[in-house]
PDB file of all heavy atoms in Angstrom:
ATOM      1  N   LEU A   1      63.600-139.276  18.629  1.00  0.00           N
ATOM      2  CA  LEU A   1      63.634-140.298  19.705  1.00  0.00           C
ATOM      3  C   LEU A   1      65.089-140.602  20.063  1.00  0.00           C
ATOM      4  O   LEU A   1      66.001-140.082  19.497  1.00  0.00           O
ATOM      5  CB  LEU A   1      62.875-141.566  19.251  1.00  0.00           C
ATOM      6  CG  LEU A   1      61.376-141.289  19.148  1.00  0.00           C
ATOM      7  CD1 LEU A   1      61.033-140.787  17.738  1.00  0.00           C
ATOM      8  CD2 LEU A   1      60.550-142.459  19.474  1.00  0.00           C
ATOM      9  N   SER A   2      65.293-141.514  20.987  1.00  0.00           N
ATOM     10  CA  SER A   2      66.622-141.817  21.482  1.00  0.00           C
ATOM     11  C   SER A   2      67.488-142.453  20.400  1.00  0.00           C
ATOM     12  O   SER A   2      68.741-142.355  20.469  1.00  0.00           O
ATOM     13  CB  SER A   2      66.561-142.740  22.671  1.00  0.00           C
ATOM     14  OG  SER A   2      66.032-143.988  22.330  1.00  0.00           O
ATOM     15  N   ASP A   3      66.899-143.105  19.374  1.00  0.00           N
ATOM     16  CA  ASP A   3      67.716-143.736  18.357  1.00  0.00           C
ATOM     17  C   ASP A   3      67.291-143.524  16.918  1.00  0.00           C
ATOM     18  O   ASP A   3      67.851-144.095  16.028  1.00  0.00           O
ATOM     19  CB  ASP A   3      67.774-145.275  18.672  1.00  0.00           C
ATOM     20  CG  ASP A   3      66.396-145.911  18.610  1.00  0.00           C
ATOM     21  OD1 ASP A   3      65.378-145.213  18.374  1.00  0.00           O
ATOM     22  OD2 ASP A   3      66.354-147.140  18.744  1.00  0.00           O
ATOM     23  N   HIS A   4      66.268-142.660  16.716  1.00  0.00           N
ATOM     24  CA  HIS A   4      65.888-142.372  15.337  1.00  0.00           C
ATOM     25  C   HIS A   4      65.020-141.147  15.266  1.00  0.00           C
ATOM     26  O   HIS A   4      64.576-140.610  16.303  1.00  0.00           O
ATOM     27  CB  HIS A   4      65.179-143.552  14.665  1.00  0.00           C
ATOM     28  CG  HIS A   4      63.839-143.886  15.223  1.00  0.00           C
ATOM     29  ND1 HIS A   4      63.657-144.515  16.439  1.00  0.00           N
ATOM     30  CD2 HIS A   4      62.603-143.680  14.722  1.00  0.00           C
ATOM     31  CE1 HIS A   4      62.370-144.725  16.646  1.00  0.00           C
ATOM     32  NE2 HIS A   4      61.700-144.203  15.633  1.00  0.00           N
ATOM     33  N   VAL A   5      64.791-140.685  14.032  1.00  0.00           N
ATOM     34  CA  VAL A   5      64.003-139.481  13.768  1.00  0.00           C
ATOM     35  C   VAL A   5      62.941-139.817  12.696  1.00  0.00           C
ATOM     36  O   VAL A   5      63.220-140.530  11.759  1.00  0.00           O
ATOM     37  CB  VAL A   5      64.900-138.325  13.183  1.00  0.00           C
ATOM     38  CG1 VAL A   5      64.071-137.237  12.598  1.00  0.00           C
ATOM     39  CG2 VAL A   5      65.827-137.816  14.256  1.00  0.00           C
ATOM     40  N   HIS A   6      61.715-139.325  12.942  1.00  0.00           N
ATOM     41  CA  HIS A   6      60.658-139.315  11.913  1.00  0.00           C
ATOM     42  C   HIS A   6      60.394-137.849  11.615  1.00  0.00           C
ATOM     43  O   HIS A   6      60.247-137.044  12.521  1.00  0.00           O
ATOM     44  CB  HIS A   6      59.383-139.965  12.414  1.00  0.00           C
ATOM     45  CG  HIS A   6      59.517-141.453  12.623  1.00  0.00           C
ATOM     46  ND1 HIS A   6      59.356-142.330  11.589  1.00  0.00           N
ATOM     47  CD2 HIS A   6      59.683-142.154  13.736  1.00  0.00           C
ATOM     48  CE1 HIS A   6      59.465-143.578  12.087  1.00  0.00           C
ATOM     49  NE2 HIS A   6      59.667-143.512  13.394  1.00  0.00           N
ATOM     50  N   ILE A   7      60.233-137.540  10.320  1.00  0.00           N
ATOM     51  CA  ILE A   7      59.904-136.168   9.978  1.00  0.00           C
ATOM     52  C   ILE A   7      59.084-136.141   8.689  1.00  0.00           C
ATOM     53  O   ILE A   7      59.314-136.977   7.765  1.00  0.00           O
ATOM     54  CB  ILE A   7      61.198-135.305   9.823  1.00  0.00           C
ATOM     55  CG1 ILE A   7      60.894-133.837   9.780  1.00  0.00           C
ATOM     56  CG2 ILE A   7      62.068-135.792   8.655  1.00  0.00           C
ATOM     57  CD1 ILE A   7      62.100-132.929  10.079  1.00  0.00           C
ATOM     58  N   VAL A   8      58.069-135.272   8.647  1.00  0.00           N
ATOM     59  CA  VAL A   8      57.296-135.101   7.446  1.00  0.00           C
ATOM     60  C   VAL A   8      57.484-133.686   6.945  1.00  0.00           C
ATOM     61  O   VAL A   8      57.197-132.723   7.640  1.00  0.00           O
ATOM     62  CB  VAL A   8      55.740-135.325   7.761  1.00  0.00           C
ATOM     63  CG1 VAL A   8      54.908-135.099   6.506  1.00  0.00           C
ATOM     64  CG2 VAL A   8      55.503-136.712   8.320  1.00  0.00           C
ATOM     65  N   ILE A   9      58.088-133.581   5.756  1.00  0.00           N
ATOM     66  CA  ILE A   9      58.403-132.288   5.158  1.00  0.00           C
ATOM     67  C   ILE A   9      57.743-132.202   3.804  1.00  0.00           C
ATOM     68  O   ILE A   9      57.802-133.145   3.010  1.00  0.00           O
ATOM     69  CB  ILE A   9      59.926-132.052   5.049  1.00  0.00           C
ATOM     70  CG1 ILE A   9      60.582-132.045   6.428  1.00  0.00           C
ATOM     71  CG2 ILE A   9      60.233-130.803   4.297  1.00  0.00           C
ATOM     72  CD1 ILE A   9      62.068-131.801   6.412  1.00  0.00           C
ATOM     73  N   ARG A  10      57.148-131.049   3.545  1.00  0.00           N
ATOM     74  CA  ARG A  10      56.502-130.790   2.233  1.00  0.00           C
ATOM     75  C   ARG A  10      57.527-130.813   1.150  1.00  0.00           C
ATOM     76  O   ARG A  10      58.695-130.522   1.311  1.00  0.00           O
ATOM     77  CB  ARG A  10      55.813-129.411   2.301  1.00  0.00           C
ATOM     78  CG  ARG A  10      55.076-129.070   1.048  1.00  0.00           C
ATOM     79  CD  ARG A  10      54.239-127.859   1.238  1.00  0.00           C
ATOM     80  NE  ARG A  10      55.054-126.678   1.050  1.00  0.00           N
ATOM     81  CZ  ARG A  10      54.602-125.442   1.271  1.00  0.00           C
ATOM     82  NH1 ARG A  10      53.401-125.236   1.759  1.00  0.00           N
ATOM     83  NH2 ARG A  10      55.374-124.418   1.047  1.00  0.00           N
ATOM     84  N   LYS A  11      57.069-131.204  -0.058  1.00  0.00           N
ATOM     85  CA  LYS A  11      57.907-131.175  -1.273  1.00  0.00           C
ATOM     86  C   LYS A  11      58.572-129.815  -1.351  1.00  0.00           C
ATOM     87  O   LYS A  11      57.954-128.791  -1.084  1.00  0.00           O
ATOM     88  CB  LYS A  11      57.031-131.444  -2.493  1.00  0.00           C
ATOM     89  CG  LYS A  11      57.835-131.524  -3.774  1.00  0.00           C
ATOM     90  CD  LYS A  11      56.885-131.847  -4.927  1.00  0.00           C
ATOM     91  CE  LYS A  11      57.678-131.782  -6.231  1.00  0.00           C
ATOM     92  NZ  LYS A  11      56.826-132.098  -7.350  1.00  0.00           N
ATOM     93  N   HIS A  12      59.822-129.838  -1.840  1.00  0.00           N
ATOM     94  CA  HIS A  12      60.618-128.592  -1.830  1.00  0.00           C
ATOM     95  C   HIS A  12      61.568-128.653  -3.039  1.00  0.00           C
ATOM     96  O   HIS A  12      61.742-129.736  -3.638  1.00  0.00           O
ATOM     97  CB  HIS A  12      61.447-128.554  -0.532  1.00  0.00           C
ATOM     98  CG  HIS A  12      62.162-127.299  -0.277  1.00  0.00           C
ATOM     99  ND1 HIS A  12      63.439-127.106  -0.667  1.00  0.00           N
ATOM    100  CD2 HIS A  12      61.789-126.145   0.345  1.00  0.00           C
ATOM    101  CE1 HIS A  12      63.843-125.898  -0.299  1.00  0.00           C
ATOM    102  NE2 HIS A  12      62.870-125.320   0.317  1.00  0.00           N
ATOM    103  N   ARG A  13      62.206-127.543  -3.373  1.00  0.00           N
ATOM    104  CA  ARG A  13      63.183-127.550  -4.464  1.00  0.00           C
ATOM    105  C   ARG A  13      64.349-128.459  -4.145  1.00  0.00           C
ATOM    106  O   ARG A  13      64.944-128.995  -5.042  1.00  0.00           O
ATOM    107  CB  ARG A  13      63.645-126.131  -4.778  1.00  0.00           C
ATOM    108  CG  ARG A  13      64.517-125.521  -3.716  1.00  0.00           C
ATOM    109  CD  ARG A  13      64.960-124.095  -4.005  1.00  0.00           C
ATOM    110  NE  ARG A  13      65.611-123.480  -2.878  1.00  0.00           N
ATOM    111  CZ  ARG A  13      64.986-122.835  -1.921  1.00  0.00           C
ATOM    112  NH1 ARG A  13      63.668-122.643  -1.982  1.00  0.00           N
ATOM    113  NH2 ARG A  13      65.647-122.344  -0.905  1.00  0.00           N
ATOM    114  N   ASP A  14      64.704-128.631  -2.855  1.00  0.00           N
ATOM    115  CA  ASP A  14      65.739-129.615  -2.478  1.00  0.00           C
ATOM    116  C   ASP A  14      65.181-131.026  -2.566  1.00  0.00           C
ATOM    117  O   ASP A  14      64.016-131.250  -2.189  1.00  0.00           O
ATOM    118  CB  ASP A  14      66.217-129.348  -1.069  1.00  0.00           C
ATOM    119  CG  ASP A  14      66.979-128.027  -0.899  1.00  0.00           C
ATOM    120  OD1 ASP A  14      67.335-127.411  -1.919  1.00  0.00           O
ATOM    121  OD2 ASP A  14      67.206-127.641   0.280  1.00  0.00           O
ATOM    122  N   ARG A  15      65.949-131.957  -3.038  1.00  0.00           N
ATOM    123  CA  ARG A  15      65.554-133.350  -3.096  1.00  0.00           C
ATOM    124  C   ARG A  15      65.502-133.885  -1.695  1.00  0.00           C
ATOM    125  O   ARG A  15      66.161-133.388  -0.788  1.00  0.00           O
ATOM    126  CB  ARG A  15      66.522-134.150  -3.967  1.00  0.00           C
ATOM    127  CG  ARG A  15      66.523-133.704  -5.415  1.00  0.00           C
ATOM    128  CD  ARG A  15      67.596-134.469  -6.217  1.00  0.00           C
ATOM    129  NE  ARG A  15      67.601-135.894  -5.966  1.00  0.00           N
ATOM    130  CZ  ARG A  15      66.929-136.806  -6.710  1.00  0.00           C
ATOM    131  NH1 ARG A  15      66.216-136.381  -7.745  1.00  0.00           N
ATOM    132  NH2 ARG A  15      66.993-138.090  -6.400  1.00  0.00           N
ATOM    133  N   ALA A  16      64.735-134.954  -1.472  1.00  0.00           N
ATOM    134  CA  ALA A  16      64.590-135.553  -0.162  1.00  0.00           C
ATOM    135  C   ALA A  16      65.941-135.904   0.393  1.00  0.00           C
ATOM    136  O   ALA A  16      66.229-135.706   1.586  1.00  0.00           O
ATOM    137  CB  ALA A  16      63.686-136.759  -0.230  1.00  0.00           C
ATOM    138  N   GLU A  17      66.830-136.483  -0.436  1.00  0.00           N
ATOM    139  CA  GLU A  17      68.165-136.903   0.034  1.00  0.00           C
ATOM    140  C   GLU A  17      68.943-135.686   0.558  1.00  0.00           C
ATOM    141  O   GLU A  17      69.664-135.793   1.539  1.00  0.00           O
ATOM    142  CB  GLU A  17      68.929-137.590  -1.081  1.00  0.00           C
ATOM    143  CG  GLU A  17      68.320-138.881  -1.560  1.00  0.00           C
ATOM    144  CD  GLU A  17      67.221-138.702  -2.659  1.00  0.00           C
ATOM    145  OE1 GLU A  17      66.871-137.535  -2.996  1.00  0.00           O
ATOM    146  OE2 GLU A  17      66.687-139.720  -3.085  1.00  0.00           O
ATOM    147  N   SER A  18      68.785-134.547  -0.128  1.00  0.00           N
ATOM    148  CA  SER A  18      69.506-133.346   0.276  1.00  0.00           C
ATOM    149  C   SER A  18      68.954-132.788   1.582  1.00  0.00           C
ATOM    150  O   SER A  18      69.717-132.332   2.429  1.00  0.00           O
ATOM    151  CB  SER A  18      69.417-132.282  -0.795  1.00  0.00           C
ATOM    152  OG  SER A  18      70.058-132.662  -1.970  1.00  0.00           O
ATOM    153  N   MET A  19      67.620-132.857   1.751  1.00  0.00           N
ATOM    154  CA  MET A  19      67.040-132.394   2.990  1.00  0.00           C
ATOM    155  C   MET A  19      67.526-133.260   4.180  1.00  0.00           C
ATOM    156  O   MET A  19      67.868-132.733   5.224  1.00  0.00           O
ATOM    157  CB  MET A  19      65.506-132.389   2.920  1.00  0.00           C
ATOM    158  CG  MET A  19      64.944-131.341   2.009  1.00  0.00           C
ATOM    159  SD  MET A  19      63.139-131.211   2.070  1.00  0.00           S
ATOM    160  CE  MET A  19      62.666-132.289   0.773  1.00  0.00           C
ATOM    161  N   ILE A  20      67.522-134.551   3.969  1.00  0.00           N
ATOM    162  CA  ILE A  20      67.975-135.478   5.030  1.00  0.00           C
ATOM    163  C   ILE A  20      69.444-135.160   5.381  1.00  0.00           C
ATOM    164  O   ILE A  20      69.781-134.994   6.589  1.00  0.00           O
ATOM    165  CB  ILE A  20      67.818-136.970   4.628  1.00  0.00           C
ATOM    166  CG1 ILE A  20      66.353-137.322   4.539  1.00  0.00           C
ATOM    167  CG2 ILE A  20      68.538-137.904   5.591  1.00  0.00           C
ATOM    168  CD1 ILE A  20      66.050-138.662   3.869  1.00  0.00           C
ATOM    169  N   ALA A  21      70.275-135.041   4.364  1.00  0.00           N
ATOM    170  CA  ALA A  21      71.718-134.775   4.605  1.00  0.00           C
ATOM    171  C   ALA A  21      71.897-133.431   5.327  1.00  0.00           C
ATOM    172  O   ALA A  21      72.729-133.333   6.251  1.00  0.00           O
ATOM    173  CB  ALA A  21      72.458-134.782   3.283  1.00  0.00           C
ATOM    174  N   ARG A  22      71.150-132.429   4.965  1.00  0.00           N
ATOM    175  CA  ARG A  22      71.258-131.120   5.562  1.00  0.00           C
ATOM    176  C   ARG A  22      70.849-131.162   7.071  1.00  0.00           C
ATOM    177  O   ARG A  22      71.556-130.597   7.908  1.00  0.00           O
ATOM    178  CB  ARG A  22      70.371-130.097   4.825  1.00  0.00           C
ATOM    179  CG  ARG A  22      70.636-128.661   5.236  1.00  0.00           C
ATOM    180  CD  ARG A  22      69.914-127.665   4.322  1.00  0.00           C
ATOM    181  NE  ARG A  22      70.215-127.840   2.943  1.00  0.00           N
ATOM    182  CZ  ARG A  22      71.280-127.331   2.340  1.00  0.00           C
ATOM    183  NH1 ARG A  22      72.142-126.591   3.008  1.00  0.00           N
ATOM    184  NH2 ARG A  22      71.463-127.500   1.028  1.00  0.00           N
ATOM    185  N   LEU A  23      69.753-131.826   7.359  1.00  0.00           N
ATOM    186  CA  LEU A  23      69.320-131.953   8.754  1.00  0.00           C
ATOM    187  C   LEU A  23      70.265-132.808   9.551  1.00  0.00           C
ATOM    188  O   LEU A  23      70.561-132.466  10.742  1.00  0.00           O
ATOM    189  CB  LEU A  23      67.876-132.537   8.816  1.00  0.00           C
ATOM    190  CG  LEU A  23      66.821-131.610   8.204  1.00  0.00           C
ATOM    191  CD1 LEU A  23      65.496-132.368   8.028  1.00  0.00           C
ATOM    192  CD2 LEU A  23      66.586-130.376   9.089  1.00  0.00           C
ATOM    193  N   GLN A  24      70.786-133.882   8.975  1.00  0.00           N
ATOM    194  CA  GLN A  24      71.763-134.680   9.693  1.00  0.00           C
ATOM    195  C   GLN A  24      73.027-133.921   9.984  1.00  0.00           C
ATOM    196  O   GLN A  24      73.558-133.951  11.101  1.00  0.00           O
ATOM    197  CB  GLN A  24      72.082-135.934   8.870  1.00  0.00           C
ATOM    198  CG  GLN A  24      71.006-136.989   8.833  1.00  0.00           C
ATOM    199  CD  GLN A  24      71.387-138.212   8.052  1.00  0.00           C
ATOM    200  OE1 GLN A  24      72.288-138.213   7.229  1.00  0.00           O
ATOM    201  NE2 GLN A  24      70.676-139.294   8.334  1.00  0.00           N
ATOM    202  N   GLU A  25      73.547-133.183   9.005  1.00  0.00           N
ATOM    203  CA  GLU A  25      74.763-132.436   9.215  1.00  0.00           C
ATOM    204  C   GLU A  25      74.583-131.282  10.179  1.00  0.00           C
ATOM    205  O   GLU A  25      75.439-131.051  11.041  1.00  0.00           O
ATOM    206  CB  GLU A  25      75.301-131.913   7.850  1.00  0.00           C
ATOM    207  CG  GLU A  25      76.632-131.179   7.961  1.00  0.00           C
ATOM    208  CD  GLU A  25      77.821-132.058   8.404  1.00  0.00           C
ATOM    209  OE1 GLU A  25      77.667-133.259   8.572  1.00  0.00           O
ATOM    210  OE2 GLU A  25      78.912-131.475   8.535  1.00  0.00           O
ATOM    211  N   ALA A  26      73.487-130.579  10.093  1.00  0.00           N
ATOM    212  CA  ALA A  26      73.246-129.475  11.043  1.00  0.00           C
ATOM    213  C   ALA A  26      73.184-129.964  12.421  1.00  0.00           C
ATOM    214  O   ALA A  26      73.726-129.369  13.337  1.00  0.00           O
ATOM    215  CB  ALA A  26      71.909-128.756  10.612  1.00  0.00           C
ATOM    216  N   SER A  27      72.492-131.052  12.669  1.00  0.00           N
ATOM    217  CA  SER A  27      72.386-131.617  14.044  1.00  0.00           C
ATOM    218  C   SER A  27      73.718-132.209  14.533  1.00  0.00           C
ATOM    219  O   SER A  27      74.072-132.017  15.681  1.00  0.00           O
ATOM    220  CB  SER A  27      71.241-132.622  14.132  1.00  0.00           C
ATOM    221  OG  SER A  27      71.389-133.662  13.192  1.00  0.00           O
ATOM    222  N   ARG A  28      74.473-132.851  13.662  1.00  0.00           N
ATOM    223  CA  ARG A  28      75.782-133.388  14.047  1.00  0.00           C
ATOM    224  C   ARG A  28      76.717-132.239  14.484  1.00  0.00           C
ATOM    225  O   ARG A  28      77.324-132.339  15.547  1.00  0.00           O
ATOM    226  CB  ARG A  28      76.398-134.136  12.874  1.00  0.00           C
ATOM    227  CG  ARG A  28      77.721-134.807  13.237  1.00  0.00           C
ATOM    228  CD  ARG A  28      78.478-135.353  12.026  1.00  0.00           C
ATOM    229  NE  ARG A  28      78.962-134.266  11.170  1.00  0.00           N
ATOM    230  CZ  ARG A  28      80.046-133.507  11.409  1.00  0.00           C
ATOM    231  NH1 ARG A  28      80.715-133.718  12.538  1.00  0.00           N
ATOM    232  NH2 ARG A  28      80.423-132.619  10.590  1.00  0.00           N
ATOM    233  N   LEU A  29      76.724-131.173  13.680  1.00  0.00           N
ATOM    234  CA  LEU A  29      77.594-130.036  14.035  1.00  0.00           C
ATOM    235  C   LEU A  29      77.152-129.375  15.332  1.00  0.00           C
ATOM    236  O   LEU A  29      77.986-128.974  16.162  1.00  0.00           O
ATOM    237  CB  LEU A  29      77.591-129.025  12.883  1.00  0.00           C
ATOM    238  CG  LEU A  29      78.312-129.483  11.623  1.00  0.00           C
ATOM    239  CD1 LEU A  29      78.076-128.474  10.457  1.00  0.00           C
ATOM    240  CD2 LEU A  29      79.786-129.679  11.869  1.00  0.00           C
ATOM    241  N   ARG A  30      75.867-129.263  15.545  1.00  0.00           N
ATOM    242  CA  ARG A  30      75.341-128.620  16.777  1.00  0.00           C
ATOM    243  C   ARG A  30      75.690-129.464  17.972  1.00  0.00           C
ATOM    244  O   ARG A  30      76.103-128.979  19.010  1.00  0.00           O
ATOM    245  CB  ARG A  30      73.816-128.365  16.648  1.00  0.00           C
ATOM    246  CG  ARG A  30      73.168-127.726  17.843  1.00  0.00           C
ATOM    247  CD  ARG A  30      73.434-126.247  17.979  1.00  0.00           C
ATOM    248  NE  ARG A  30      72.993-125.474  16.855  1.00  0.00           N
ATOM    249  CZ  ARG A  30      71.815-124.886  16.722  1.00  0.00           C
ATOM    250  NH1 ARG A  30      70.968-124.912  17.682  1.00  0.00           N
ATOM    251  NH2 ARG A  30      71.510-124.201  15.653  1.00  0.00           N
ATOM    252  N   LEU A  31      75.456-130.773  17.876  1.00  0.00           N
ATOM    253  CA  LEU A  31      75.791-131.649  19.002  1.00  0.00           C
ATOM    254  C   LEU A  31      77.259-131.585  19.362  1.00  0.00           C
ATOM    255  O   LEU A  31      77.652-131.460  20.531  1.00  0.00           O
ATOM    256  CB  LEU A  31      75.395-133.092  18.684  1.00  0.00           C
ATOM    257  CG  LEU A  31      73.930-133.419  18.712  1.00  0.00           C
ATOM    258  CD1 LEU A  31      73.672-134.788  18.040  1.00  0.00           C
ATOM    259  CD2 LEU A  31      73.374-133.437  20.121  1.00  0.00           C
ATOM    260  N   SER A  32      78.113-131.546  18.336  1.00  0.00           N
ATOM    261  CA  SER A  32      79.553-131.470  18.548  1.00  0.00           C
ATOM    262  C   SER A  32      79.931-130.108  19.131  1.00  0.00           C
ATOM    263  O   SER A  32      80.711-130.024  20.137  1.00  0.00           O
ATOM    264  CB  SER A  32      80.297-131.664  17.250  1.00  0.00           C
ATOM    265  OG  SER A  32      81.648-131.526  17.393  1.00  0.00           O
ATOM    266  N   SER A  33      79.426-128.985  18.589  1.00  0.00           N
ATOM    267  CA  SER A  33      79.811-127.679  19.106  1.00  0.00           C
ATOM    268  C   SER A  33      79.321-127.444  20.540  1.00  0.00           C
ATOM    269  O   SER A  33      79.936-126.620  21.245  1.00  0.00           O
ATOM    270  CB  SER A  33      79.227-126.580  18.181  1.00  0.00           C
ATOM    271  OG  SER A  33      77.832-126.478  18.295  1.00  0.00           O
ATOM    272  N   GLU A  34      78.268-128.109  20.936  1.00  0.00           N
ATOM    273  CA  GLU A  34      77.792-127.965  22.312  1.00  0.00           C
ATOM    274  C   GLU A  34      78.380-129.015  23.258  1.00  0.00           C
ATOM    275  O   GLU A  34      77.963-129.105  24.397  1.00  0.00           O
ATOM    276  CB  GLU A  34      76.261-127.973  22.343  1.00  0.00           C
ATOM    277  CG  GLU A  34      75.688-126.742  21.612  1.00  0.00           C
ATOM    278  CD  GLU A  34      74.222-126.535  21.846  1.00  0.00           C
ATOM    279  OE1 GLU A  34      73.646-127.165  22.756  1.00  0.00           O
ATOM    280  OE2 GLU A  34      73.647-125.748  21.076  1.00  0.00           O
ATOM    281  N   GLY A  35      79.351-129.755  22.772  1.00  0.00           N
ATOM    282  CA  GLY A  35      80.026-130.767  23.601  1.00  0.00           C
ATOM    283  C   GLY A  35      79.179-131.969  23.952  1.00  0.00           C
ATOM    284  O   GLY A  35      79.456-132.687  24.884  1.00  0.00           O
ATOM    285  N   LEU A  36      78.133-132.233  23.151  1.00  0.00           N
ATOM    286  CA  LEU A  36      77.243-133.343  23.396  1.00  0.00           C
ATOM    287  C   LEU A  36      77.540-134.585  22.582  1.00  0.00           C
ATOM    288  O   LEU A  36      76.865-135.627  22.683  1.00  0.00           O
ATOM    289  CB  LEU A  36      75.769-132.923  23.233  1.00  0.00           C
ATOM    290  CG  LEU A  36      75.328-131.804  24.169  1.00  0.00           C
ATOM    291  CD1 LEU A  36      73.919-131.309  23.755  1.00  0.00           C
ATOM    292  CD2 LEU A  36      75.323-132.297  25.606  1.00  0.00           C
ATOM    293  N   SER A  37      78.522-134.452  21.711  1.00  0.00           N
ATOM    294  CA  SER A  37      78.980-135.569  20.881  1.00  0.00           C
ATOM    295  C   SER A  37      80.402-135.297  20.459  1.00  0.00           C
ATOM    296  O   SER A  37      80.731-134.143  20.075  1.00  0.00           O
ATOM    297  CB  SER A  37      78.110-135.688  19.671  1.00  0.00           C
ATOM    298  OG  SER A  37      78.541-136.695  18.766  1.00  0.00           O
ATOM    299  N   PRO A  38      81.305-136.293  20.512  1.00  0.00           N
ATOM    300  CA  PRO A  38      82.684-136.076  20.011  1.00  0.00           C
ATOM    301  C   PRO A  38      82.680-135.657  18.568  1.00  0.00           C
ATOM    302  O   PRO A  38      81.886-136.189  17.752  1.00  0.00           O
ATOM    303  CB  PRO A  38      83.327-137.435  20.238  1.00  0.00           C
ATOM    304  CG  PRO A  38      82.481-138.198  21.172  1.00  0.00           C
ATOM    305  CD  PRO A  38      81.090-137.651  20.976  1.00  0.00           C
ATOM    306  N   PRO A  39      83.571-134.715  18.169  1.00  0.00           N
ATOM    307  CA  PRO A  39      83.606-134.252  16.769  1.00  0.00           C
ATOM    308  C   PRO A  39      83.807-135.327  15.728  1.00  0.00           C
ATOM    309  O   PRO A  39      83.318-135.234  14.636  1.00  0.00           O
ATOM    310  CB  PRO A  39      84.706-133.183  16.779  1.00  0.00           C
ATOM    311  CG  PRO A  39      85.300-133.195  18.134  1.00  0.00           C
ATOM    312  CD  PRO A  39      84.574-134.123  19.010  1.00  0.00           C
ATOM    313  N   ASN A  40      84.555-136.371  16.084  1.00  0.00           N
ATOM    314  CA  ASN A  40      84.835-137.373  15.066  1.00  0.00           C
ATOM    315  C   ASN A  40      83.939-138.558  15.084  1.00  0.00           C
ATOM    316  O   ASN A  40      84.089-139.519  14.310  1.00  0.00           O
ATOM    317  CB  ASN A  40      86.307-137.872  15.218  1.00  0.00           C
ATOM    318  CG  ASN A  40      86.508-138.592  16.530  1.00  0.00           C
ATOM    319  OD1 ASN A  40      85.738-138.420  17.483  1.00  0.00           O
ATOM    320  ND2 ASN A  40      87.558-139.390  16.601  1.00  0.00           N
ATOM    321  N   HIS A  41      82.917-138.541  15.949  1.00  0.00           N
ATOM    322  CA  HIS A  41      81.969-139.642  16.088  1.00  0.00           C
ATOM    323  C   HIS A  41      80.821-139.458  15.154  1.00  0.00           C
ATOM    324  O   HIS A  41      80.137-138.425  15.236  1.00  0.00           O
ATOM    325  CB  HIS A  41      81.546-139.711  17.547  1.00  0.00           C
ATOM    326  CG  HIS A  41      80.775-140.986  17.894  1.00  0.00           C
ATOM    327  ND1 HIS A  41      79.649-141.384  17.214  1.00  0.00           N
ATOM    328  CD2 HIS A  41      81.023-141.923  18.817  1.00  0.00           C
ATOM    329  CE1 HIS A  41      79.220-142.547  17.728  1.00  0.00           C
ATOM    330  NE2 HIS A  41      80.053-142.879  18.717  1.00  0.00           N
TER     331      HIS A  41
END
């Protein structure tokens, strides 16, 4: 959504905190690389 994410992911070898961090970092990097978010924001 415009201000948050909801996601349901099956149990995995990665802990929930690691999955959240991985998804957050991947999307932050993609937004920045496509010029849709400043790199330091």
